[in-house]
Amino acid sequence: MLKKVLITGAGTGFGHEVAMRLAEKGFDVIASVEIYGQVQTLKRQASQRGVTLHVEKLDVTDDGDRRKALDWGVEILVNNAGVGEGGSTVDVPAENIRHQFEVNVTGPLLLTQGIAKQMAKRGTGRIIWVSSREGLNVNPFTGIYSASKHAVEAIAESMKDELQEFGVEVATMNPGPFLTGFNDRIFQTWESWDDDPTQRLYDYSKLAFPRAQFNPEPVYATLTALAAGEIDSYRNLEPTSMIEETKSLIEAPWTKKTTDGLGSRNKNVQNAFDMKPEQLRDDQDPIPAP
């Protein structure tokens, strides 16, 4: 049985909770965080939870950190670290675009290359890419983030085929709009852009994440089970209630016209003006305070 798990981006969100749950299930969990300042915080939180985590500083964009991870004997890799860049595709500055792909695509892939080869030599292993529903669909103002997750989808699916003969499993986790704070932070990145605000197409102070969000419990449960080998489906989208909508949106571009809606605001763009930040769906249970 595979026991040693590396979860990147375990300081917050999905990675944080799944690291705790896997440790509770008896896995040997290496929980990595981006900066040293998060190390003691996560150790203290694990102690309060009554579990043991091996907490390591691992910035996926840092070559030295990636090399260091090759000494950890990783058997299960959960590529969870990621950032989100909000803004129109015609407004996001160049440096922010590059950073989006470095953190979400290039860094995780370079980390995975070395660990995957170790797994292949052993003839066993499990790699999980935490993608997104945005890796399958698109929305206004998250196009750069979505592009990075579309790239992750392509990498993961190719990797699945390439590593099959070496006994290494590959899967994706595709969370929809869950209220962890991540989606709302995407719509604040404009505050630090190094650009000329007068040249922006939109006033981002008036926008918010354009959908009411779900309680994240389904992702915690599914990602934990996926890492533990209790689920063997390649693609894992939560909430499952959005699967049919997601499939229909994948098909939708085949019938779109270049002239559709010209001169009028797209309804999904309008949603970003109408929505309030951190809005939980009415049909969801309240999220407990940490």
Protein backbone atom coordinates (compact mmCIF):
# COMPACT_ATOMS: atom_id res chain seq x y z
CA MET A 1 0.00 0.00 0.00
CA LEU A 2 1.24 3.47 -0.89
CA LYS A 3 1.73 5.50 2.31
CA LYS A 4 3.99 8.53 1.83
CA VAL A 5 2.06 11.52 0.49
CA LEU A 6 3.34 14.92 -0.59
CA ILE A 7 0.69 17.62 -0.72
CA THR A 8 1.81 20.96 -2.12
CA GLY A 9 0.11 24.18 -1.06
CA ALA A 10 -1.00 22.67 2.27
CA GLY A 11 -0.97 25.94 4.19
CA THR A 12 -4.57 26.81 3.34
CA GLY A 13 -7.70 25.63 1.56
CA PHE A 14 -8.13 22.17 0.09
CA GLY A 15 -4.52 21.12 0.67
CA HIS A 16 -4.64 22.04 4.34
CA GLU A 17 -7.74 20.02 5.16
CA VAL A 18 -6.81 17.02 3.00
CA ALA A 19 -3.36 16.85 4.64
CA MET A 20 -5.06 16.64 8.03
CA ARG A 21 -7.53 13.99 6.92
CA LEU A 22 -4.91 11.79 5.29
CA ALA A 23 -2.81 11.98 8.46
CA GLU A 24 -5.89 10.96 10.45
CA LYS A 25 -6.23 7.95 8.13
CA GLY A 26 -2.67 6.87 8.94
CA PHE A 27 -0.80 8.15 5.91
CA ASP A 28 2.72 9.55 6.23
CA VAL A 29 1.97 13.10 5.09
CA ILE A 30 4.50 15.65 3.92
CA ALA A 31 2.58 18.93 3.92
CA SER A 32 4.45 21.58 2.00
CA VAL A 33 4.00 25.34 2.22
CA GLU A 34 5.33 28.17 0.08
CA ILE A 35 7.25 30.15 2.71
CA TYR A 36 9.05 29.35 5.96
CA GLY A 37 6.66 31.59 7.89
CA GLN A 38 3.88 29.05 7.32
CA VAL A 39 5.83 26.06 8.68
CA GLN A 40 5.34 26.56 12.41
CA THR A 41 1.74 27.68 11.94
CA LEU A 42 0.85 24.46 10.14
CA LYS A 43 2.71 22.34 12.71
CA ARG A 44 0.75 24.02 15.49
CA GLN A 45 -2.55 23.50 13.66
CA ALA A 46 -1.72 19.81 13.14
CA SER A 47 -0.94 19.44 16.84
CA GLN A 48 -4.26 21.03 17.73
CA ARG A 49 -5.94 18.57 15.39
CA GLY A 50 -4.13 15.66 17.06
CA VAL A 51 -2.18 14.56 13.99
CA THR A 52 1.44 14.54 12.90
CA LEU A 53 2.50 16.23 9.68
CA HIS A 54 5.98 16.52 8.22
CA VAL A 55 5.87 20.19 7.25
CA GLU A 56 8.34 21.36 4.62
CA LYS A 57 8.95 24.61 2.79
CA LEU A 58 8.41 23.90 -0.91
CA ASP A 59 7.89 26.71 -3.39
CA VAL A 60 7.09 24.87 -6.61
CA THR A 61 8.72 27.65 -8.64
CA ASP A 62 12.05 27.23 -6.80
CA ASP A 63 14.46 24.77 -8.41
CA GLY A 64 16.29 24.14 -5.12
CA ASP A 65 13.05 23.30 -3.35
CA ARG A 66 12.03 20.93 -6.15
CA ARG A 67 15.38 19.11 -5.96
CA LYS A 68 15.01 18.80 -2.19
CA ALA A 69 11.68 17.00 -2.66
CA LEU A 70 13.40 14.21 -4.60
CA ASP A 71 14.91 12.97 -1.32
CA TRP A 72 11.54 12.47 0.37
CA GLY A 73 10.58 9.12 -1.20
CA VAL A 74 7.18 10.37 -2.34
CA GLU A 75 4.72 7.61 -3.28
CA ILE A 76 1.62 9.78 -3.71
CA LEU A 77 1.89 13.31 -5.09
CA VAL A 78 -0.99 15.76 -4.77
CA ASN A 79 -0.25 18.79 -6.94
CA ASN A 80 -2.45 21.25 -5.09
CA ALA A 81 -0.36 24.44 -4.93
CA GLY A 82 -1.76 27.19 -7.10
CA VAL A 83 -2.68 30.84 -7.44
CA GLY A 84 -5.48 32.62 -9.23
CA GLU A 85 -5.18 35.79 -11.29
CA GLY A 86 -8.38 37.75 -11.88
CA GLY A 87 -9.08 40.27 -14.57
CA SER A 88 -10.00 40.58 -18.20
CA THR A 89 -7.69 38.78 -20.61
CA VAL A 90 -6.95 42.17 -22.20
CA ASP A 91 -6.08 43.85 -18.89
CA VAL A 92 -3.91 41.41 -16.90
CA PRO A 93 -0.27 42.64 -16.96
CA ALA A 94 2.49 40.52 -18.49
CA GLU A 95 4.25 39.73 -15.20
CA ASN A 96 1.01 38.48 -13.66
CA ILE A 97 0.36 36.24 -16.66
CA ARG A 98 3.83 34.73 -16.38
CA HIS A 99 3.47 34.21 -12.63
CA GLN A 100 0.13 32.46 -13.13
CA PHE A 101 1.69 29.86 -15.41
CA GLU A 102 4.90 29.50 -13.38
CA VAL A 103 2.97 28.60 -10.22
CA ASN A 104 0.13 26.58 -11.72
CA VAL A 105 1.83 24.84 -14.65
CA THR A 106 5.61 25.06 -15.06
CA GLY A 107 6.63 24.64 -11.41
CA PRO A 108 4.31 21.72 -10.63
CA LEU A 109 5.24 19.95 -13.87
CA LEU A 110 8.98 20.24 -13.18
CA LEU A 111 8.41 18.94 -9.64
CA THR A 112 6.33 16.05 -10.99
CA GLN A 113 8.88 15.07 -13.63
CA GLY A 114 11.48 14.03 -11.07
CA ILE A 115 9.05 12.35 -8.69
CA ALA A 116 7.24 10.54 -11.52
CA LYS A 117 10.49 9.02 -12.73
CA GLN A 118 11.17 7.70 -9.23
CA MET A 119 7.69 6.19 -9.18
CA ALA A 120 8.22 4.65 -12.61
CA LYS A 121 11.43 2.98 -11.42
CA ARG A 122 9.56 1.52 -8.45
CA GLY A 123 6.70 0.41 -10.70
CA THR A 124 4.06 2.08 -8.56
CA GLY A 125 2.81 5.53 -7.57
CA ARG A 126 -0.10 7.94 -7.68
CA ILE A 127 -0.19 11.50 -9.03
CA ILE A 128 -3.18 13.78 -8.53
CA TRP A 129 -3.45 17.10 -10.29
CA VAL A 130 -5.78 19.53 -8.55
CA SER A 131 -7.20 21.23 -11.61
CA SER A 132 -10.52 23.05 -11.60
CA ARG A 133 -13.87 23.15 -13.26
CA GLU A 134 -12.23 26.16 -14.94
CA GLY A 135 -9.90 23.68 -16.60
CA LEU A 136 -12.94 22.41 -18.51
CA ASN A 137 -15.01 25.60 -18.89
CA VAL A 138 -14.30 29.35 -18.96
CA ASN A 139 -15.75 32.45 -17.33
CA PRO A 140 -15.15 36.17 -17.76
CA PHE A 141 -12.37 37.64 -15.62
CA THR A 142 -10.79 34.26 -14.81
CA GLY A 143 -9.52 33.51 -18.31
CA ILE A 144 -5.81 33.56 -17.42
CA TYR A 145 -6.37 31.28 -14.43
CA SER A 146 -8.60 29.07 -16.57
CA ALA A 147 -5.92 28.91 -19.26
CA SER A 148 -3.43 27.60 -16.70
CA LYS A 149 -5.88 24.91 -15.61
CA HIS A 150 -6.63 23.95 -19.21
CA ALA A 151 -2.87 23.43 -19.52
CA VAL A 152 -2.93 21.23 -16.40
CA GLU A 153 -5.71 19.15 -17.98
CA ALA A 154 -3.62 18.56 -21.10
CA ILE A 155 -0.54 17.63 -19.06
CA ALA A 156 -2.46 15.27 -16.77
CA GLU A 157 -4.23 13.43 -19.57
CA SER A 158 -1.00 12.94 -21.54
CA MET A 159 0.80 11.86 -18.36
CA LYS A 160 -1.93 9.31 -17.64
CA ASP A 161 -1.25 7.60 -20.98
CA GLU A 162 2.53 7.89 -20.71
CA LEU A 163 2.86 6.46 -17.19
CA GLN A 164 0.35 3.64 -17.55
CA GLU A 165 2.94 1.03 -18.52
CA PHE A 166 5.08 1.97 -15.51
CA GLY A 167 2.31 1.28 -12.99
CA VAL A 168 1.77 4.93 -12.02
CA GLU A 169 -1.78 6.20 -11.57
CA VAL A 170 -2.75 9.73 -12.65
CA ALA A 171 -6.00 11.54 -11.87
CA THR A 172 -7.47 15.03 -11.76
CA MET A 173 -9.57 16.75 -9.12
CA ASN A 174 -11.84 19.43 -10.57
CA PRO A 175 -13.39 21.66 -7.89
CA GLY A 176 -16.17 24.02 -8.90
CA PRO A 177 -16.94 27.29 -7.08
CA PHE A 178 -16.28 26.49 -3.41
CA LEU A 179 -16.09 29.05 -0.64
CA THR A 180 -12.52 28.72 0.67
CA GLY A 181 -11.54 32.35 0.03
CA PHE A 182 -9.53 31.43 -3.07
CA ASN A 183 -12.12 32.59 -5.61
CA ASP A 184 -12.64 35.92 -3.87
CA ARG A 185 -8.89 36.57 -3.65
CA ILE A 186 -8.72 36.14 -7.43
CA PHE A 187 -10.86 39.26 -7.72
CA GLN A 188 -8.44 41.28 -5.57
CA THR A 189 -5.19 40.72 -7.47
CA TRP A 190 -5.74 43.87 -9.55
CA GLU A 191 -4.96 45.92 -6.43
CA SER A 192 -1.24 45.11 -6.88
CA TRP A 193 -0.95 45.35 -10.67
CA ASP A 194 1.97 47.38 -11.99
CA ASP A 195 0.11 49.02 -14.86
CA ASP A 196 -1.71 52.19 -15.87
CA PRO A 197 -5.22 51.96 -14.36
CA THR A 198 -6.56 54.47 -16.87
CA GLN A 199 -5.93 51.98 -19.66
CA ARG A 200 -7.96 49.16 -18.10
CA LEU A 201 -11.13 48.06 -19.80
CA TYR A 202 -12.91 47.45 -16.48
CA ASP A 203 -13.08 49.04 -13.04
CA TYR A 204 -12.28 46.02 -10.88
CA SER A 205 -13.37 47.71 -7.67
CA LYS A 206 -16.93 47.11 -8.90
CA LEU A 207 -16.53 43.37 -9.61
CA ALA A 208 -16.78 40.21 -7.52
CA PHE A 209 -16.56 36.48 -8.16
CA PRO A 210 -19.63 35.93 -10.36
CA ARG A 211 -21.21 32.88 -8.72
CA ALA A 212 -22.60 31.98 -5.33
CA GLN A 213 -20.33 29.31 -3.86
CA PHE A 214 -20.59 25.86 -2.31
CA ASN A 215 -19.51 24.49 1.06
CA PRO A 216 -16.10 22.82 0.34
CA GLU A 217 -16.81 19.57 2.19
CA PRO A 218 -17.36 17.49 -1.02
CA VAL A 219 -13.88 18.41 -2.28
CA TYR A 220 -12.27 17.56 1.05
CA ALA A 221 -13.93 14.14 1.02
CA THR A 222 -13.31 13.30 -2.64
CA LEU A 223 -9.71 14.52 -2.77
CA THR A 224 -8.88 12.61 0.42
CA ALA A 225 -10.39 9.42 -0.98
CA LEU A 226 -8.66 9.94 -4.33
CA ALA A 227 -5.24 10.36 -2.71
CA ALA A 228 -5.90 7.33 -0.51
CA GLY A 229 -6.67 5.18 -3.55
CA GLU A 230 -10.29 4.65 -2.55
CA ILE A 231 -11.50 6.20 -5.83
CA ASP A 232 -10.13 5.15 -9.21
CA SER A 233 -11.95 7.54 -11.57
CA TYR A 234 -9.59 9.68 -13.66
CA ARG A 235 -11.66 12.88 -13.63
CA ASN A 236 -13.35 13.90 -10.38
CA LEU A 237 -15.58 16.96 -10.49
CA GLU A 238 -17.27 18.38 -7.41
CA PRO A 239 -19.99 19.24 -6.80
CA THR A 240 -21.42 16.39 -8.83
CA SER A 241 -24.55 18.49 -9.36
CA MET A 242 -22.52 20.58 -11.85
CA ILE A 243 -21.35 17.69 -14.03
CA GLU A 244 -24.10 17.96 -16.65
CA GLU A 245 -23.80 21.75 -16.84
CA THR A 246 -20.04 21.38 -17.26
CA LYS A 247 -20.45 18.87 -20.08
CA SER A 248 -22.95 21.09 -21.89
CA LEU A 249 -20.61 24.09 -21.64
CA ILE A 250 -17.80 22.03 -23.15
CA GLU A 251 -20.03 21.44 -26.18
CA ALA A 252 -21.34 25.02 -26.39
CA PRO A 253 -18.50 26.58 -28.47
CA TRP A 254 -19.49 24.41 -31.45
CA THR A 255 -22.67 26.47 -31.88
CA LYS A 256 -21.40 29.94 -30.94
CA LYS A 257 -21.20 32.67 -33.58
CA THR A 258 -18.62 35.46 -33.67
CA THR A 259 -21.50 37.94 -33.89
CA ASP A 260 -23.42 36.65 -30.85
CA GLY A 261 -24.39 39.55 -28.57
CA LEU A 262 -22.15 42.14 -30.20
CA GLY A 263 -22.68 45.56 -28.61
CA SER A 264 -24.32 44.20 -25.46
CA ARG A 265 -22.86 43.03 -22.13
CA ASN A 266 -22.50 39.27 -21.70
CA LYS A 267 -24.73 37.97 -18.88
CA ASN A 268 -21.77 36.28 -17.17
CA VAL A 269 -19.90 39.59 -17.19
CA GLN A 270 -22.95 41.24 -15.62
CA ASN A 271 -22.98 38.59 -12.89
CA ALA A 272 -19.58 39.87 -11.71
CA PHE A 273 -21.10 43.32 -11.24
CA ASP A 274 -24.16 41.98 -9.43
CA MET A 275 -22.58 39.45 -7.05
CA LYS A 276 -21.33 40.16 -3.54
CA PRO A 277 -17.98 38.71 -2.34
CA GLU A 278 -17.93 35.45 -0.39
CA GLN A 279 -21.54 34.63 -1.17
CA LEU A 280 -22.56 31.14 -0.07
CA ARG A 281 -25.36 29.46 -2.00
CA ASP A 282 -28.71 29.45 -0.22
CA ASP A 283 -28.90 25.65 -0.36
CA GLN A 284 -25.59 25.14 1.46
CA ASP A 285 -24.91 24.52 5.14
CA PRO A 286 -22.98 27.31 6.88
CA ILE A 287 -19.21 26.85 6.91
CA PRO A 288 -17.86 26.35 10.46
CA ALA A 289 -15.40 28.92 11.74
CA PRO A 290 -11.79 27.62 11.84
